[in-house]
Amino acid sequence: MLQSGFIILFAISYRNSVINEKFSEIKTLKANLAGIEKENEQLKVNIENNLNLKSVEQSAKEILGMQKLNNFQTVYINLPKEDYVEPASEEIMQENNINWFEKIINIIIGK
């Protein structure tokens, strides 16, 4: 009887230690998750700041040496006002209106 009581006490003790270990793991994982979520928010803010138009313009000026367009850089060209679209020929349009049977007849006749 004493031996079975000792085994039960040992089983309960072991179960409690496993439960405590799992709670400790959960606490560590929750802490890691909170840290990752905080870092994620910081990265989102950083991305939004870098996508700001003023920031992009400043980077373009400083890093790439770009500048805003001024009136002296604009070049205007004159194009003749002609219609560059050619109308479709009537032969093609008539061909579209012919059904497949008439096409076969025309091929046989030689049209």
Protein backbone atom coordinates (compact mmCIF):
# COMPACT_ATOMS: atom_id res chain seq x y z
CA MET A 1 0.00 0.00 0.00
CA LEU A 2 2.83 2.36 0.82
CA GLN A 3 4.51 1.54 -2.43
CA SER A 4 1.37 2.34 -4.54
CA GLY A 5 0.98 5.66 -2.65
CA PHE A 6 4.57 6.53 -3.49
CA ILE A 7 3.96 5.73 -7.19
CA ILE A 8 0.83 7.88 -7.25
CA LEU A 9 2.67 10.75 -5.55
CA PHE A 10 5.54 10.38 -8.02
CA ALA A 11 3.10 10.39 -11.00
CA ILE A 12 1.36 13.53 -9.71
CA SER A 13 4.67 15.23 -9.08
CA TYR A 14 5.92 14.33 -12.57
CA ARG A 15 2.68 15.59 -14.16
CA ASN A 16 2.98 18.91 -12.30
CA SER A 17 6.59 19.34 -13.43
CA VAL A 18 5.57 18.72 -17.07
CA ILE A 19 2.74 21.23 -16.74
CA ASN A 20 5.11 23.82 -15.22
CA GLU A 21 7.59 23.22 -18.05
CA LYS A 22 4.89 23.77 -20.68
CA PHE A 23 3.69 26.96 -18.94
CA SER A 24 7.28 28.18 -18.96
CA GLU A 25 7.54 27.43 -22.70
CA ILE A 26 4.29 29.28 -23.36
CA LYS A 27 5.49 32.29 -21.37
CA THR A 28 8.77 32.36 -23.34
CA LEU A 29 6.95 32.05 -26.68
CA LYS A 30 4.53 34.85 -25.73
CA ALA A 31 7.47 37.09 -24.82
CA ASN A 32 9.12 36.29 -28.16
CA LEU A 33 5.87 37.01 -29.98
CA ALA A 34 5.51 40.39 -28.24
CA GLY A 35 9.08 41.29 -29.22
CA ILE A 36 8.52 40.28 -32.85
CA GLU A 37 5.22 42.21 -33.01
CA LYS A 38 6.94 45.31 -31.62
CA GLU A 39 9.76 44.99 -34.16
CA ASN A 40 7.17 44.49 -36.92
CA GLU A 41 5.36 47.70 -35.96
CA GLN A 42 8.66 49.60 -35.92
CA LEU A 43 9.47 48.28 -39.40
CA LYS A 44 6.03 49.32 -40.67
CA VAL A 45 6.57 52.85 -39.37
CA ASN A 46 10.05 52.89 -40.92
CA ILE A 47 8.65 51.77 -44.29
CA GLU A 48 5.91 54.42 -44.19
CA ASN A 49 8.49 57.10 -43.39
CA ASN A 50 10.71 55.97 -46.27
CA LEU A 51 7.75 55.98 -48.68
CA ASN A 52 6.96 59.56 -47.76
CA LEU A 53 7.16 61.76 -50.89
CA LYS A 54 9.48 64.28 -49.27
CA SER A 55 11.79 61.50 -48.17
CA VAL A 56 11.84 60.02 -51.68
CA GLU A 57 12.53 63.45 -53.20
CA GLN A 58 15.33 64.12 -50.72
CA SER A 59 16.91 60.72 -51.42
CA ALA A 60 16.68 61.33 -55.16
CA LYS A 61 18.48 64.65 -54.78
CA GLU A 62 21.15 63.51 -52.34
CA ILE A 63 21.89 59.96 -53.45
CA LEU A 64 21.09 60.04 -57.18
CA GLY A 65 21.86 63.71 -57.87
CA MET A 66 18.45 64.27 -59.48
CA GLN A 67 16.73 67.62 -59.74
CA LYS A 68 13.25 68.88 -60.52
CA LEU A 69 12.32 69.58 -64.14
CA ASN A 70 12.47 73.25 -65.12
CA ASN A 71 11.16 75.10 -68.19
CA PHE A 72 14.51 75.03 -69.96
CA GLN A 73 14.54 71.25 -69.99
CA THR A 74 11.19 70.95 -71.79
CA VAL A 75 11.39 70.29 -75.54
CA TYR A 76 8.30 70.64 -77.69
CA ILE A 77 8.01 68.97 -81.06
CA ASN A 78 5.52 69.58 -83.86
CA LEU A 79 3.88 66.64 -85.57
CA PRO A 80 1.95 66.94 -88.80
CA LYS A 81 -1.74 66.47 -88.30
CA GLU A 82 -2.23 63.46 -90.53
CA ASP A 83 -4.34 60.43 -89.98
CA TYR A 84 -1.97 57.50 -89.68
CA VAL A 85 -4.72 54.91 -89.55
CA GLU A 86 -5.38 53.16 -92.86
CA PRO A 87 -8.95 52.14 -93.52
CA ALA A 88 -9.58 48.46 -94.08
CA SER A 89 -10.10 47.41 -97.68
CA GLU A 90 -13.56 46.40 -98.80
CA GLU A 91 -12.35 42.98 -99.85
CA ILE A 92 -11.48 42.07 -96.27
CA MET A 93 -14.76 43.40 -94.97
CA GLN A 94 -16.72 41.40 -97.53
CA GLU A 95 -14.75 38.30 -96.63
CA ASN A 96 -15.83 38.62 -93.00
CA ASN A 97 -19.49 38.64 -94.03
CA ILE A 98 -19.19 35.41 -96.07
CA ASN A 99 -20.09 32.23 -94.22
CA TRP A 100 -17.92 29.11 -94.35
CA PHE A 101 -20.06 27.41 -97.03
CA GLU A 102 -19.72 30.38 -99.40
CA LYS A 103 -15.95 30.42 -98.77
CA ILE A 104 -15.69 26.77 -99.84
CA ILE A 105 -17.75 27.48 -102.99
CA ASN A 106 -15.53 30.49 -103.81
CA ILE A 107 -12.40 28.35 -103.38
CA ILE A 108 -13.82 25.67 -105.71
CA ILE A 109 -14.91 28.23 -108.32
CA GLY A 110 -11.58 30.02 -108.01
CA LYS A 111 -12.62 33.44 -106.80
